[in-house]
């Protein structure tokens, strides 16, 4: 549930061009736990911990992408021509500016 809340917060922060909300979504997100599990498990060579970390991170990533996709589907018709915002450009890789 925290991944869903963090994804919605980041979607709202990106659409409203608000960096504070985006940082708040990073604080809510629980996806650092599986990364630590993978790192610690690989260090102590505990393969069950490594696999749990990888699976949990992958599932969390899929949930975040799905919620972000749904948020994009909801926001694009409402926001119209005001997208992408400056926060989207700052967090993107720069290729979007080339194609616009």
N, C-alpha and C. Protein backbone atom coordinates (compact mmCIF):
# COMPACT_ATOMS: atom_id res chain seq x y z
N UNK A 1 0.82 -1.20 0.00
CA UNK A 1 0.00 0.00 0.00
C UNK A 1 0.86 1.26 0.00
N UNK A 2 2.02 1.19 0.69
CA UNK A 2 2.90 2.36 0.70
C UNK A 2 3.44 2.66 -0.70
N UNK A 3 3.66 1.63 -1.51
CA UNK A 3 4.13 1.87 -2.88
C UNK A 3 3.06 2.60 -3.68
N UNK A 4 1.81 2.23 -3.50
CA UNK A 4 0.72 2.90 -4.21
C UNK A 4 0.61 4.35 -3.76
N UNK A 5 0.68 4.60 -2.46
CA UNK A 5 0.60 5.97 -1.95
C UNK A 5 1.77 6.80 -2.45
N UNK A 6 2.97 6.23 -2.42
CA UNK A 6 4.15 6.96 -2.89
C UNK A 6 4.06 7.25 -4.39
N UNK A 7 3.52 6.32 -5.14
CA UNK A 7 3.37 6.54 -6.59
C UNK A 7 2.36 7.65 -6.88
N UNK A 8 1.25 7.65 -6.14
CA UNK A 8 0.27 8.71 -6.34
C UNK A 8 0.82 10.07 -5.92
N UNK A 9 1.58 10.08 -4.83
CA UNK A 9 2.19 11.34 -4.40
C UNK A 9 3.16 11.87 -5.45
N UNK A 10 3.97 11.01 -6.00
CA UNK A 10 4.92 11.47 -7.02
C UNK A 10 4.20 11.91 -8.28
N UNK A 11 3.11 11.26 -8.61
CA UNK A 11 2.32 11.67 -9.78
C UNK A 11 1.73 13.06 -9.56
N UNK A 12 1.18 13.28 -8.38
CA UNK A 12 0.61 14.60 -8.06
C UNK A 12 1.71 15.65 -8.04
N UNK A 13 2.87 15.32 -7.47
CA UNK A 13 3.97 16.27 -7.43
C UNK A 13 4.49 16.63 -8.81
N UNK A 14 4.55 15.66 -9.69
CA UNK A 14 5.01 15.94 -11.05
C UNK A 14 4.01 16.79 -11.83
N UNK A 15 2.74 16.47 -11.68
CA UNK A 15 1.73 17.21 -12.44
C UNK A 15 1.56 18.63 -11.92
N UNK A 16 1.65 18.81 -10.58
CA UNK A 16 1.48 20.15 -10.02
C UNK A 16 2.79 20.93 -9.99
N UNK A 17 3.87 20.32 -10.46
CA UNK A 17 5.18 20.98 -10.52
C UNK A 17 5.67 21.37 -9.13
N UNK A 18 5.54 20.45 -8.18
CA UNK A 18 5.86 20.71 -6.78
C UNK A 18 6.93 19.74 -6.30
N UNK A 19 8.14 20.24 -6.07
CA UNK A 19 9.26 19.39 -5.66
C UNK A 19 9.10 18.84 -4.25
N UNK A 20 8.41 19.57 -3.39
CA UNK A 20 8.22 19.11 -2.01
C UNK A 20 7.40 17.83 -1.97
N UNK A 21 6.38 17.74 -2.77
CA UNK A 21 5.54 16.54 -2.80
C UNK A 21 6.32 15.37 -3.38
N UNK A 22 7.18 15.62 -4.34
CA UNK A 22 7.99 14.55 -4.92
C UNK A 22 8.96 14.00 -3.88
N UNK A 23 9.58 14.87 -3.10
CA UNK A 23 10.48 14.41 -2.04
C UNK A 23 9.69 13.66 -0.98
N UNK A 24 8.48 14.10 -0.67
CA UNK A 24 7.64 13.38 0.30
C UNK A 24 7.32 11.97 -0.20
N UNK A 25 7.12 11.82 -1.49
CA UNK A 25 6.84 10.48 -2.02
C UNK A 25 8.06 9.57 -1.87
N UNK A 26 9.25 10.14 -1.95
CA UNK A 26 10.45 9.33 -1.73
C UNK A 26 10.56 8.88 -0.28
N UNK A 27 10.09 9.70 0.64
CA UNK A 27 10.13 9.34 2.05
C UNK A 27 9.10 8.26 2.39
N UNK A 28 7.98 8.24 1.69
CA UNK A 28 6.92 7.26 1.95
C UNK A 28 7.26 5.90 1.32
N UNK A 29 8.00 5.92 0.24
CA UNK A 29 8.26 4.70 -0.52
C UNK A 29 9.05 3.66 0.29
N UNK A 30 8.58 2.42 0.29
CA UNK A 30 9.27 1.36 1.04
C UNK A 30 10.25 0.55 0.19
N UNK A 31 10.63 1.03 -0.96
CA UNK A 31 11.43 0.23 -1.88
C UNK A 31 12.91 0.15 -1.53
N UNK A 32 13.34 0.83 -0.49
CA UNK A 32 14.74 0.71 -0.08
C UNK A 32 14.99 -0.58 0.69
N UNK A 33 13.97 -1.11 1.34
CA UNK A 33 14.12 -2.36 2.09
C UNK A 33 14.55 -3.54 1.24
N UNK A 34 13.91 -3.78 0.09
CA UNK A 34 14.37 -4.88 -0.76
C UNK A 34 15.77 -4.67 -1.33
N UNK A 35 16.16 -3.43 -1.55
CA UNK A 35 17.52 -3.17 -2.04
C UNK A 35 18.54 -3.54 -0.95
N UNK A 36 18.23 -3.17 0.28
CA UNK A 36 19.12 -3.52 1.39
C UNK A 36 19.15 -5.03 1.58
N UNK A 37 18.01 -5.70 1.43
CA UNK A 37 17.96 -7.16 1.56
C UNK A 37 18.83 -7.82 0.50
N UNK A 38 18.74 -7.34 -0.73
CA UNK A 38 19.57 -7.89 -1.80
C UNK A 38 21.05 -7.66 -1.54
N UNK A 39 21.40 -6.45 -1.11
CA UNK A 39 22.80 -6.13 -0.87
C UNK A 39 23.36 -6.95 0.29
N UNK A 40 22.63 -7.00 1.40
CA UNK A 40 23.11 -7.75 2.55
C UNK A 40 23.16 -9.25 2.23
N UNK A 41 22.15 -9.75 1.53
CA UNK A 41 22.13 -11.17 1.18
C UNK A 41 23.25 -11.55 0.25
N UNK A 42 23.61 -10.67 -0.67
CA UNK A 42 24.74 -10.97 -1.56
C UNK A 42 26.06 -10.89 -0.82
N UNK A 43 26.14 -10.04 0.19
CA UNK A 43 27.39 -9.92 0.96
C UNK A 43 27.63 -11.15 1.83
N UNK A 44 26.57 -11.64 2.46
CA UNK A 44 26.73 -12.82 3.32
C UNK A 44 26.41 -14.12 2.58
N UNK A 45 26.22 -14.05 1.29
CA UNK A 45 25.91 -15.17 0.39
C UNK A 45 24.72 -15.99 0.88
N UNK A 46 23.66 -15.30 1.24
CA UNK A 46 22.40 -15.94 1.62
C UNK A 46 21.44 -15.78 0.44
N UNK A 47 21.32 -16.81 -0.36
CA UNK A 47 20.59 -16.72 -1.62
C UNK A 47 19.08 -16.54 -1.43
N UNK A 48 18.52 -17.01 -0.33
CA UNK A 48 17.09 -16.79 -0.11
C UNK A 48 16.81 -15.31 0.13
N UNK A 49 17.71 -14.63 0.84
CA UNK A 49 17.55 -13.20 1.07
C UNK A 49 17.74 -12.42 -0.22
N UNK A 50 18.68 -12.85 -1.05
CA UNK A 50 18.90 -12.20 -2.34
C UNK A 50 17.66 -12.34 -3.22
N UNK A 51 17.11 -13.54 -3.28
CA UNK A 51 15.94 -13.76 -4.14
C UNK A 51 14.72 -13.02 -3.61
N UNK A 52 14.54 -12.98 -2.29
CA UNK A 52 13.41 -12.22 -1.72
C UNK A 52 13.55 -10.74 -2.03
N UNK A 53 14.77 -10.22 -1.91
CA UNK A 53 14.99 -8.81 -2.23
C UNK A 53 14.71 -8.49 -3.68
N UNK A 54 15.18 -9.34 -4.58
CA UNK A 54 14.94 -9.10 -6.01
C UNK A 54 13.47 -9.19 -6.37
N UNK A 55 12.80 -10.21 -5.86
CA UNK A 55 11.38 -10.39 -6.17
C UNK A 55 10.56 -9.23 -5.60
N UNK A 56 10.85 -8.83 -4.37
CA UNK A 56 10.10 -7.73 -3.75
C UNK A 56 10.34 -6.42 -4.49
N UNK A 57 11.57 -6.17 -4.90
CA UNK A 57 11.87 -4.95 -5.64
C UNK A 57 11.17 -4.95 -7.00
N UNK A 58 11.17 -6.08 -7.68
CA UNK A 58 10.52 -6.17 -8.98
C UNK A 58 9.02 -5.97 -8.87
N UNK A 59 8.40 -6.57 -7.87
CA UNK A 59 6.96 -6.39 -7.67
C UNK A 59 6.63 -4.95 -7.32
N UNK A 60 7.43 -4.34 -6.44
CA UNK A 60 7.23 -2.92 -6.11
C UNK A 60 7.41 -2.02 -7.31
N UNK A 61 8.39 -2.33 -8.15
CA UNK A 61 8.61 -1.55 -9.37
C UNK A 61 7.42 -1.68 -10.32
N UNK A 62 6.90 -2.89 -10.48
CA UNK A 62 5.73 -3.08 -11.35
C UNK A 62 4.51 -2.32 -10.83
N UNK A 63 4.30 -2.34 -9.53
CA UNK A 63 3.18 -1.61 -8.94
C UNK A 63 3.34 -0.11 -9.18
N UNK A 64 4.55 0.41 -8.95
CA UNK A 64 4.80 1.83 -9.13
C UNK A 64 4.61 2.26 -10.58
N UNK A 65 5.07 1.45 -11.52
CA UNK A 65 4.90 1.79 -12.93
C UNK A 65 3.42 1.74 -13.32
N UNK A 66 2.70 0.75 -12.83
CA UNK A 66 1.27 0.64 -13.14
C UNK A 66 0.49 1.81 -12.58
N UNK A 67 0.76 2.19 -11.34
CA UNK A 67 0.06 3.33 -10.74
C UNK A 67 0.44 4.63 -11.46
N UNK A 68 1.71 4.77 -11.83
CA UNK A 68 2.12 5.94 -12.60
C UNK A 68 1.45 6.01 -13.96
N UNK A 69 1.28 4.86 -14.60
CA UNK A 69 0.59 4.81 -15.89
C UNK A 69 -0.87 5.23 -15.74
N UNK A 70 -1.53 4.70 -14.69
CA UNK A 70 -2.91 5.10 -14.44
C UNK A 70 -3.01 6.60 -14.12
N UNK A 71 -2.06 7.10 -13.34
CA UNK A 71 -2.03 8.53 -13.05
C UNK A 71 -1.84 9.37 -14.30
N UNK A 72 -0.99 8.90 -15.20
CA UNK A 72 -0.80 9.61 -16.46
C UNK A 72 -2.06 9.59 -17.32
N UNK A 73 -2.75 8.47 -17.33
CA UNK A 73 -4.00 8.40 -18.09
C UNK A 73 -5.05 9.34 -17.54
N UNK A 74 -5.05 9.54 -16.22
CA UNK A 74 -6.02 10.43 -15.60
C UNK A 74 -5.65 11.90 -15.79
N UNK A 75 -4.37 12.21 -15.76
CA UNK A 75 -3.93 13.61 -15.77
C UNK A 75 -3.82 14.23 -17.15
N UNK A 76 -3.47 13.45 -18.14
CA UNK A 76 -3.24 14.02 -19.46
C UNK A 76 -4.50 14.64 -20.06
N UNK A 77 -5.67 14.01 -19.98
CA UNK A 77 -6.86 14.69 -20.53
C UNK A 77 -7.23 15.96 -19.77
N UNK A 78 -6.96 16.00 -18.47
CA UNK A 78 -7.32 17.16 -17.66
C UNK A 78 -6.34 18.30 -17.86
N UNK A 79 -5.04 17.98 -17.83
CA UNK A 79 -4.01 19.02 -17.91
C UNK A 79 -3.79 19.53 -19.33
N UNK A 80 -3.99 18.67 -20.31
CA UNK A 80 -3.90 19.09 -21.69
C UNK A 80 -2.52 19.54 -22.11
N UNK A 81 -2.43 20.79 -22.60
CA UNK A 81 -1.19 21.29 -23.18
C UNK A 81 -0.15 21.76 -22.18
N UNK A 82 -0.45 21.73 -20.89
CA UNK A 82 0.52 22.22 -19.91
C UNK A 82 1.52 21.15 -19.48
N UNK A 83 1.44 19.97 -20.05
CA UNK A 83 2.40 18.91 -19.75
C UNK A 83 3.41 18.82 -20.87
N UNK A 84 4.61 18.46 -20.64
CA UNK A 84 5.29 18.14 -19.40
C UNK A 84 5.68 19.39 -18.62
N UNK A 85 5.72 19.24 -17.30
CA UNK A 85 6.08 20.35 -16.42
C UNK A 85 7.60 20.42 -16.26
N UNK A 86 8.06 21.45 -15.58
CA UNK A 86 9.49 21.61 -15.34
C UNK A 86 10.05 20.47 -14.49
N UNK A 87 9.27 20.01 -13.50
CA UNK A 87 9.72 18.89 -12.68
C UNK A 87 9.89 17.62 -13.51
N UNK A 88 9.04 17.43 -14.49
CA UNK A 88 9.18 16.27 -15.37
C UNK A 88 10.45 16.36 -16.20
N UNK A 89 10.75 17.56 -16.69
CA UNK A 89 11.99 17.75 -17.44
C UNK A 89 13.21 17.54 -16.56
N UNK A 90 13.16 18.03 -15.34
CA UNK A 90 14.32 17.91 -14.45
C UNK A 90 14.59 16.47 -14.05
N UNK A 91 13.56 15.65 -13.95
CA UNK A 91 13.73 14.27 -13.54
C UNK A 91 13.81 13.30 -14.71
N UNK A 92 13.65 13.81 -15.91
CA UNK A 92 13.76 12.98 -17.10
C UNK A 92 15.19 12.87 -17.56
N UNK A 93 15.37 12.15 -18.65
CA UNK A 93 16.73 11.95 -19.14
C UNK A 93 17.13 12.95 -20.21
N UNK A 94 16.25 13.85 -20.58
CA UNK A 94 16.59 14.87 -21.55
C UNK A 94 16.20 14.55 -22.97
N UNK A 95 15.88 13.31 -23.24
CA UNK A 95 15.50 12.95 -24.61
C UNK A 95 14.14 13.51 -25.00
N UNK A 96 13.29 13.78 -24.02
CA UNK A 96 11.97 14.33 -24.33
C UNK A 96 12.09 15.72 -24.92
N UNK A 97 13.08 16.49 -24.51
CA UNK A 97 13.26 17.84 -25.03
C UNK A 97 13.68 17.81 -26.50
N UNK A 98 14.34 16.76 -26.91
CA UNK A 98 14.80 16.66 -28.31
C UNK A 98 13.61 16.43 -29.24
N UNK A 99 12.67 15.63 -28.78
CA UNK A 99 11.57 15.24 -29.65
C UNK A 99 10.39 16.21 -29.60
N UNK A 100 10.44 17.25 -28.77
CA UNK A 100 9.32 18.18 -28.67
C UNK A 100 9.51 19.35 -29.59
